[in-house]
Amino acid sequence: MADDHCIVQVFDHAGRALFILGLGVYPNLGMTDAYATLRNGDTLHSVRAAGRAARLRPARAAVAERARRTRPDLG
């Protein structure tokens, strides 16, 4: 099995704010890790988490309104 990674980046065009969310799944290790970073002006907030995956299953995001809104579906 291969590792799977997903990264989502959201930013405003003026460059004032940036939000990055990432998820990594490692089936051979039974592990999942995630991080989120928010930059607002000169302030940066970051959080990371990792742990054993109790149950690994596919995840998907559906586009609900022509790329204006997404809806995560974790099965």
C-alpha atoms as a PDB file:
ATOM      1  CA  MET A   1       0.000   0.000   0.000  1.00  0.00           C
ATOM      2  CA  ALA A   2       1.129   3.528  -0.729  1.00  0.00           C
ATOM      3  CA  ASP A   3       1.031   6.536   1.552  1.00  0.00           C
ATOM      4  CA  ASP A   4      -1.670   9.109   0.818  1.00  0.00           C
ATOM      5  CA  HIS A   5      -1.385  12.858   1.379  1.00  0.00           C
ATOM      6  CA  CYS A   6      -3.902  15.657   0.904  1.00  0.00           C
ATOM      7  CA  ILE A   7      -3.164  19.384   1.172  1.00  0.00           C
ATOM      8  CA  VAL A   8      -5.705  22.211   0.909  1.00  0.00           C
ATOM      9  CA  GLN A   9      -4.619  25.853   0.643  1.00  0.00           C
ATOM     10  CA  VAL A  10      -6.974  28.837   0.933  1.00  0.00           C
ATOM     11  CA  PHE A  11      -5.812  32.433   0.568  1.00  0.00           C
ATOM     12  CA  ASP A  12      -7.131  35.890  -0.129  1.00  0.00           C
ATOM     13  CA  HIS A  13      -5.796  37.683  -3.187  1.00  0.00           C
ATOM     14  CA  ALA A  14      -4.706  40.682  -1.119  1.00  0.00           C
ATOM     15  CA  GLY A  15      -2.202  38.469   0.711  1.00  0.00           C
ATOM     16  CA  ARG A  16      -3.491  39.219   4.216  1.00  0.00           C
ATOM     17  CA  ALA A  17      -4.542  35.684   5.174  1.00  0.00           C
ATOM     18  CA  LEU A  18      -3.532  32.108   4.340  1.00  0.00           C
ATOM     19  CA  PHE A  19      -4.958  28.806   5.598  1.00  0.00           C
ATOM     20  CA  ILE A  20      -3.265  25.454   4.917  1.00  0.00           C
ATOM     21  CA  LEU A  21      -4.651  22.085   5.992  1.00  0.00           C
ATOM     22  CA  GLY A  22      -2.873  18.771   5.451  1.00  0.00           C
ATOM     23  CA  LEU A  23      -3.582  15.116   6.113  1.00  0.00           C
ATOM     24  CA  GLY A  24      -1.297  12.115   5.702  1.00  0.00           C
ATOM     25  CA  VAL A  25      -2.309   8.458   5.929  1.00  0.00           C
ATOM     26  CA  TYR A  26       0.266   5.683   6.298  1.00  0.00           C
ATOM     27  CA  PRO A  27      -1.545   2.313   5.963  1.00  0.00           C
ATOM     28  CA  ASN A  28       1.569   0.169   6.478  1.00  0.00           C
ATOM     29  CA  LEU A  29       2.164   1.858   9.831  1.00  0.00           C
ATOM     30  CA  GLY A  30      -1.505   2.246  10.795  1.00  0.00           C
ATOM     31  CA  MET A  31      -0.833   5.956  11.393  1.00  0.00           C
ATOM     32  CA  THR A  32      -2.473   9.224  10.393  1.00  0.00           C
ATOM     33  CA  ASP A  33      -1.096  12.742  10.831  1.00  0.00           C
ATOM     34  CA  ALA A  34      -2.586  16.158  10.206  1.00  0.00           C
ATOM     35  CA  TYR A  35      -1.681  19.815  10.453  1.00  0.00           C
ATOM     36  CA  ALA A  36      -3.315  23.207  10.078  1.00  0.00           C
ATOM     37  CA  THR A  37      -1.655  26.592   9.680  1.00  0.00           C
ATOM     38  CA  LEU A  38      -3.354  29.988   9.675  1.00  0.00           C
ATOM     39  CA  ARG A  39      -1.503  33.194   8.850  1.00  0.00           C
ATOM     40  CA  ASN A  40      -3.324  36.463   9.424  1.00  0.00           C
ATOM     41  CA  GLY A  41      -1.100  39.457   8.678  1.00  0.00           C
ATOM     42  CA  ASP A  42       2.164  38.878  10.561  1.00  0.00           C
ATOM     43  CA  THR A  43       0.657  36.351  13.014  1.00  0.00           C
ATOM     44  CA  LEU A  44       1.071  32.623  12.383  1.00  0.00           C
ATOM     45  CA  HIS A  45      -0.868  29.870  14.191  1.00  0.00           C
ATOM     46  CA  SER A  46       0.029  26.205  13.685  1.00  0.00           C
ATOM     47  CA  VAL A  47      -1.164  22.881  15.085  1.00  0.00           C
ATOM     48  CA  ARG A  48      -0.032  19.319  14.336  1.00  0.00           C
ATOM     49  CA  ALA A  49      -1.437  15.975  15.421  1.00  0.00           C
ATOM     50  CA  ALA A  50      -0.568  12.333  14.803  1.00  0.00           C
ATOM     51  CA  GLY A  51      -1.809   9.015  16.062  1.00  0.00           C
ATOM     52  CA  ARG A  52      -2.816   5.474  15.367  1.00  0.00           C
ATOM     53  CA  ALA A  53      -5.612   5.143  12.853  1.00  0.00           C
ATOM     54  CA  ALA A  54      -8.404   3.044  14.316  1.00  0.00           C
ATOM     55  CA  ARG A  55      -9.980   2.509  10.902  1.00  0.00           C
ATOM     56  CA  LEU A  56      -8.602   3.617   7.545  1.00  0.00           C
ATOM     57  CA  ARG A  57     -11.126   4.288   4.796  1.00  0.00           C
ATOM     58  CA  PRO A  58     -11.301   6.498   1.709  1.00  0.00           C
ATOM     59  CA  ALA A  59     -12.239  10.171   2.082  1.00  0.00           C
ATOM     60  CA  ARG A  60     -13.508  12.534  -0.576  1.00  0.00           C
ATOM     61  CA  ALA A  61     -14.637  16.136  -0.987  1.00  0.00           C
ATOM     62  CA  ALA A  62     -17.674  16.966  -3.097  1.00  0.00           C
ATOM     63  CA  VAL A  63     -18.058  20.302  -4.863  1.00  0.00           C
ATOM     64  CA  ALA A  64     -21.481  21.548  -3.817  1.00  0.00           C
ATOM     65  CA  GLU A  65     -21.725  24.912  -5.618  1.00  0.00           C
ATOM     66  CA  ARG A  66     -19.418  25.170  -8.632  1.00  0.00           C
ATOM     67  CA  ALA A  67     -16.151  25.440  -6.636  1.00  0.00           C
ATOM     68  CA  ARG A  68     -17.620  27.879  -4.114  1.00  0.00           C
ATOM     69  CA  ARG A  69     -18.314  25.381  -1.347  1.00  0.00           C
ATOM     70  CA  THR A  70     -16.931  21.925  -0.623  1.00  0.00           C
ATOM     71  CA  ARG A  71     -18.383  19.254   1.611  1.00  0.00           C
ATOM     72  CA  PRO A  72     -16.001  16.660   3.121  1.00  0.00           C
ATOM     73  CA  ASP A  73     -17.270  13.077   3.173  1.00  0.00           C
ATOM     74  CA  LEU A  74     -15.375  10.760   5.497  1.00  0.00           C
ATOM     75  CA  GLY A  75     -17.452   7.687   4.676  1.00  0.00           C
END
